[in-house]
Amino acid sequence: MRRGVRLALDIGDARIGVASSDPHGILATPVETVHRGPGDLDRIAALAAELEAVEIVVGLPRSLSGGEGPAAVKIRETAELVRAKVQAGNADTAVRLVDERFTTVTAERMLRERGKKGSKRRAVVDQAAAVVILQHALDLERETGNPPGRPL
């Protein structure tokens, strides 16, 4: 398992959920929800620098058949902007795309089971989805010995 903090992003139209791992790549935890709009990528870059992230994992929505639709195109474009912004501060920070099928559904169910209701759940579901994305990526790397997903 590679050492270093990883960030995960669950990119939506209104919000970006952010999660991070410990330096050993064992556990993903929520960080914050960044509202989309002016300064959102600056905040992501600041978090990457603050946490000394070695990698950013971006959830890529795919269809059940594994194909990519219009949402995936938008995520790829935003991930490229994230990569450019983050690498301007640290060229060594990698950005990878990983399959995020069912992460929001999983996060919603997890929060509902923990008693989070309505607006409180909506406020943290993006962070929870980022945690699911990152934990899956960490577990996959631990199992296979290979970095998850595909590099940008």
C-alpha atoms as a PDB file:
ATOM      1  CA  MET A   1       0.000   0.000   0.000  1.00  0.00           C
ATOM      2  CA  ARG A   2       1.373   3.379  -0.973  1.00  0.00           C
ATOM      3  CA  ARG A   3       1.781   5.874   1.846  1.00  0.00           C
ATOM      4  CA  GLY A   4       0.206   9.315   1.863  1.00  0.00           C
ATOM      5  CA  VAL A   5      -3.082  11.077   2.353  1.00  0.00           C
ATOM      6  CA  ARG A   6      -5.628  10.693  -0.428  1.00  0.00           C
ATOM      7  CA  LEU A   7      -8.594  12.952  -1.051  1.00  0.00           C
ATOM      8  CA  ALA A   8     -11.793  11.847  -2.724  1.00  0.00           C
ATOM      9  CA  LEU A   9     -14.241  14.112  -4.499  1.00  0.00           C
ATOM     10  CA  ASP A  10     -17.904  13.427  -5.160  1.00  0.00           C
ATOM     11  CA  ILE A  11     -18.576  16.145  -7.726  1.00  0.00           C
ATOM     12  CA  GLY A  12     -22.151  17.285  -8.221  1.00  0.00           C
ATOM     13  CA  ASP A  13     -23.787  20.237  -9.909  1.00  0.00           C
ATOM     14  CA  ALA A  14     -24.372  22.108  -6.632  1.00  0.00           C
ATOM     15  CA  ARG A  15     -21.801  20.644  -4.222  1.00  0.00           C
ATOM     16  CA  ILE A  16     -18.536  18.718  -4.036  1.00  0.00           C
ATOM     17  CA  GLY A  17     -18.224  16.217  -1.218  1.00  0.00           C
ATOM     18  CA  VAL A  18     -14.676  15.834   0.079  1.00  0.00           C
ATOM     19  CA  ALA A  19     -13.205  12.959   2.091  1.00  0.00           C
ATOM     20  CA  SER A  20      -9.633  12.147   3.103  1.00  0.00           C
ATOM     21  CA  SER A  21      -7.674   9.133   4.206  1.00  0.00           C
ATOM     22  CA  ASP A  22      -5.123   8.706   6.930  1.00  0.00           C
ATOM     23  CA  PRO A  23      -1.463   8.679   5.759  1.00  0.00           C
ATOM     24  CA  HIS A  24      -1.444   4.855   5.818  1.00  0.00           C
ATOM     25  CA  GLY A  25      -4.415   4.612   3.445  1.00  0.00           C
ATOM     26  CA  ILE A  26      -6.550   2.595   5.827  1.00  0.00           C
ATOM     27  CA  LEU A  27      -9.608   4.694   6.644  1.00  0.00           C
ATOM     28  CA  ALA A  28     -11.608   7.332   4.764  1.00  0.00           C
ATOM     29  CA  THR A  29     -13.270  10.133   6.731  1.00  0.00           C
ATOM     30  CA  PRO A  30     -15.467  13.079   5.709  1.00  0.00           C
ATOM     31  CA  VAL A  31     -13.802  16.488   5.373  1.00  0.00           C
ATOM     32  CA  GLU A  32     -16.336  19.016   4.110  1.00  0.00           C
ATOM     33  CA  THR A  33     -18.837  19.947   1.441  1.00  0.00           C
ATOM     34  CA  VAL A  34     -17.642  22.608  -0.984  1.00  0.00           C
ATOM     35  CA  HIS A  35     -20.376  24.584  -2.728  1.00  0.00           C
ATOM     36  CA  ARG A  36     -19.969  24.800  -6.504  1.00  0.00           C
ATOM     37  CA  GLY A  37     -19.236  28.239  -7.868  1.00  0.00           C
ATOM     38  CA  PRO A  38     -16.513  30.847  -7.687  1.00  0.00           C
ATOM     39  CA  GLY A  39     -13.598  29.631  -5.581  1.00  0.00           C
ATOM     40  CA  ASP A  40     -14.659  25.983  -5.392  1.00  0.00           C
ATOM     41  CA  LEU A  41     -11.533  24.662  -7.120  1.00  0.00           C
ATOM     42  CA  ASP A  42      -9.361  27.013  -5.068  1.00  0.00           C
ATOM     43  CA  ARG A  43     -10.855  25.424  -1.931  1.00  0.00           C
ATOM     44  CA  ILE A  44     -10.148  21.921  -3.246  1.00  0.00           C
ATOM     45  CA  ALA A  45      -6.538  22.915  -4.021  1.00  0.00           C
ATOM     46  CA  ALA A  46      -6.201  24.479  -0.556  1.00  0.00           C
ATOM     47  CA  LEU A  47      -7.477  21.282   1.099  1.00  0.00           C
ATOM     48  CA  ALA A  48      -5.065  19.178  -0.976  1.00  0.00           C
ATOM     49  CA  ALA A  49      -2.167  21.402   0.101  1.00  0.00           C
ATOM     50  CA  GLU A  50      -3.313  21.606   3.728  1.00  0.00           C
ATOM     51  CA  LEU A  51      -3.654  17.831   4.042  1.00  0.00           C
ATOM     52  CA  GLU A  52      -0.558  17.195   1.905  1.00  0.00           C
ATOM     53  CA  ALA A  53      -2.531  14.912  -0.396  1.00  0.00           C
ATOM     54  CA  VAL A  54      -0.482  12.671  -2.659  1.00  0.00           C
ATOM     55  CA  GLU A  55      -3.518  11.762  -4.736  1.00  0.00           C
ATOM     56  CA  ILE A  56      -7.053  12.892  -5.470  1.00  0.00           C
ATOM     57  CA  VAL A  57      -9.631  10.264  -6.378  1.00  0.00           C
ATOM     58  CA  VAL A  58     -12.612  11.588  -8.331  1.00  0.00           C
ATOM     59  CA  GLY A  59     -15.798   9.567  -8.591  1.00  0.00           C
ATOM     60  CA  LEU A  60     -16.803   8.961 -12.222  1.00  0.00           C
ATOM     61  CA  PRO A  61     -20.472   8.137 -12.803  1.00  0.00           C
ATOM     62  CA  ARG A  62     -21.019   5.190 -15.094  1.00  0.00           C
ATOM     63  CA  SER A  63     -24.152   3.431 -16.257  1.00  0.00           C
ATOM     64  CA  LEU A  64     -24.971  -0.074 -15.061  1.00  0.00           C
ATOM     65  CA  SER A  65     -23.439  -1.397 -18.287  1.00  0.00           C
ATOM     66  CA  GLY A  66     -20.203   0.478 -17.543  1.00  0.00           C
ATOM     67  CA  GLY A  67     -20.696   3.137 -20.210  1.00  0.00           C
ATOM     68  CA  GLU A  68     -20.319   6.868 -19.758  1.00  0.00           C
ATOM     69  CA  GLY A  69     -23.019   9.438 -20.356  1.00  0.00           C
ATOM     70  CA  PRO A  70     -23.231  13.245 -20.269  1.00  0.00           C
ATOM     71  CA  ALA A  71     -22.672  13.342 -16.489  1.00  0.00           C
ATOM     72  CA  ALA A  72     -19.352  11.513 -16.891  1.00  0.00           C
ATOM     73  CA  VAL A  73     -18.233  14.029 -19.523  1.00  0.00           C
ATOM     74  CA  LYS A  74     -18.919  16.891 -17.073  1.00  0.00           C
ATOM     75  CA  ILE A  75     -17.042  15.093 -14.279  1.00  0.00           C
ATOM     76  CA  ARG A  76     -14.040  14.461 -16.547  1.00  0.00           C
ATOM     77  CA  GLU A  77     -13.953  18.162 -17.471  1.00  0.00           C
ATOM     78  CA  THR A  78     -14.146  19.229 -13.823  1.00  0.00           C
ATOM     79  CA  ALA A  79     -11.533  16.634 -12.824  1.00  0.00           C
ATOM     80  CA  GLU A  80      -9.151  18.110 -15.434  1.00  0.00           C
ATOM     81  CA  LEU A  81      -9.708  21.579 -13.932  1.00  0.00           C
ATOM     82  CA  VAL A  82      -9.050  20.164 -10.444  1.00  0.00           C
ATOM     83  CA  ARG A  83      -5.862  18.502 -11.683  1.00  0.00           C
ATOM     84  CA  ALA A  84      -4.592  21.739 -13.257  1.00  0.00           C
ATOM     85  CA  LYS A  85      -5.393  23.784 -10.147  1.00  0.00           C
ATOM     86  CA  VAL A  86      -3.904  21.280  -7.677  1.00  0.00           C
ATOM     87  CA  GLN A  87      -0.810  20.512  -9.751  1.00  0.00           C
ATOM     88  CA  ALA A  88      -0.084  24.239 -10.054  1.00  0.00           C
ATOM     89  CA  GLY A  89       0.705  24.057  -6.323  1.00  0.00           C
ATOM     90  CA  ASN A  90       2.173  20.541  -6.259  1.00  0.00           C
ATOM     91  CA  ALA A  91       2.968  18.842  -9.553  1.00  0.00           C
ATOM     92  CA  ASP A  92       3.348  15.483  -7.772  1.00  0.00           C
ATOM     93  CA  THR A  93      -0.311  15.241  -6.716  1.00  0.00           C
ATOM     94  CA  ALA A  94      -1.964  12.667  -8.973  1.00  0.00           C
ATOM     95  CA  VAL A  95      -5.640  12.713  -9.954  1.00  0.00           C
ATOM     96  CA  ARG A  96      -7.421   9.443 -10.712  1.00  0.00           C
ATOM     97  CA  LEU A  97     -10.946   8.624 -11.860  1.00  0.00           C
ATOM     98  CA  VAL A  98     -12.740   5.729 -10.172  1.00  0.00           C
ATOM     99  CA  ASP A  99     -16.141   4.154 -10.795  1.00  0.00           C
ATOM    100  CA  GLU A 100     -18.716   5.627  -8.433  1.00  0.00           C
ATOM    101  CA  ARG A 101     -21.773   3.555  -9.286  1.00  0.00           C
ATOM    102  CA  PHE A 102     -24.170   3.388  -6.336  1.00  0.00           C
ATOM    103  CA  THR A 103     -22.068   5.576  -4.011  1.00  0.00           C
ATOM    104  CA  THR A 104     -24.752   8.204  -3.424  1.00  0.00           C
ATOM    105  CA  VAL A 105     -27.373   5.490  -2.924  1.00  0.00           C
ATOM    106  CA  THR A 106     -25.059   3.725  -0.451  1.00  0.00           C
ATOM    107  CA  ALA A 107     -24.320   6.991   1.364  1.00  0.00           C
ATOM    108  CA  GLU A 108     -28.028   7.907   1.563  1.00  0.00           C
ATOM    109  CA  ARG A 109     -28.895   4.494   3.000  1.00  0.00           C
ATOM    110  CA  MET A 110     -26.040   4.676   5.514  1.00  0.00           C
ATOM    111  CA  LEU A 111     -27.126   8.130   6.722  1.00  0.00           C
ATOM    112  CA  ARG A 112     -30.799   7.130   6.883  1.00  0.00           C
ATOM    113  CA  GLU A 113     -29.872   4.091   8.985  1.00  0.00           C
ATOM    114  CA  ARG A 114     -27.960   6.365  11.353  1.00  0.00           C
ATOM    115  CA  GLY A 115     -31.031   8.529  11.846  1.00  0.00           C
ATOM    116  CA  LYS A 116     -30.078  11.535   9.718  1.00  0.00           C
ATOM    117  CA  LYS A 117     -33.236  13.070   8.306  1.00  0.00           C
ATOM    118  CA  GLY A 118     -34.163  15.440   5.482  1.00  0.00           C
ATOM    119  CA  SER A 119     -32.025  18.560   5.189  1.00  0.00           C
ATOM    120  CA  LYS A 120     -29.437  17.263   7.684  1.00  0.00           C
ATOM    121  CA  ARG A 121     -28.881  14.230   5.469  1.00  0.00           C
ATOM    122  CA  ARG A 122     -28.710  16.325   2.290  1.00  0.00           C
ATOM    123  CA  ALA A 123     -26.089  18.544   3.936  1.00  0.00           C
ATOM    124  CA  VAL A 124     -23.676  15.637   4.443  1.00  0.00           C
ATOM    125  CA  VAL A 125     -24.617  13.104   1.759  1.00  0.00           C
ATOM    126  CA  ASP A 126     -21.943  14.441  -0.610  1.00  0.00           C
ATOM    127  CA  GLN A 127     -19.261  13.981   2.048  1.00  0.00           C
ATOM    128  CA  ALA A 128     -20.589  10.506   2.811  1.00  0.00           C
ATOM    129  CA  ALA A 129     -20.512   9.617  -0.901  1.00  0.00           C
ATOM    130  CA  ALA A 130     -16.890  10.840  -1.068  1.00  0.00           C
ATOM    131  CA  VAL A 131     -16.093   8.590   1.907  1.00  0.00           C
ATOM    132  CA  VAL A 132     -17.660   5.605   0.113  1.00  0.00           C
ATOM    133  CA  ILE A 133     -15.672   6.394  -3.066  1.00  0.00           C
ATOM    134  CA  LEU A 134     -12.399   6.720  -1.164  1.00  0.00           C
ATOM    135  CA  GLN A 135     -12.885   3.703   1.079  1.00  0.00           C
ATOM    136  CA  HIS A 136     -13.653   1.569  -1.974  1.00  0.00           C
ATOM    137  CA  ALA A 137     -10.498   2.890  -3.706  1.00  0.00           C
ATOM    138  CA  LEU A 138      -8.353   2.213  -0.620  1.00  0.00           C
ATOM    139  CA  ASP A 139      -9.753  -1.305  -0.190  1.00  0.00           C
ATOM    140  CA  LEU A 140      -9.245  -2.053  -3.889  1.00  0.00           C
ATOM    141  CA  GLU A 141      -5.620  -0.910  -3.751  1.00  0.00           C
ATOM    142  CA  ARG A 142      -4.999  -2.968  -0.627  1.00  0.00           C
ATOM    143  CA  GLU A 143      -6.495  -6.064  -2.309  1.00  0.00           C
ATOM    144  CA  THR A 144      -4.792  -5.717  -5.691  1.00  0.00           C
ATOM    145  CA  GLY A 145      -1.623  -3.786  -4.902  1.00  0.00           C
ATOM    146  CA  ASN A 146      -2.443  -1.401  -7.754  1.00  0.00           C
ATOM    147  CA  PRO A 147      -3.648   2.198  -7.640  1.00  0.00           C
ATOM    148  CA  PRO A 148      -7.411   2.365  -8.186  1.00  0.00           C
ATOM    149  CA  GLY A 149      -9.134   3.621 -11.307  1.00  0.00           C
ATOM    150  CA  ARG A 150      -7.401   5.449 -14.135  1.00  0.00           C
ATOM    151  CA  PRO A 151      -5.049   8.424 -14.017  1.00  0.00           C
ATOM    152  CA  LEU A 152      -6.019  11.648 -15.755  1.00  0.00           C
END
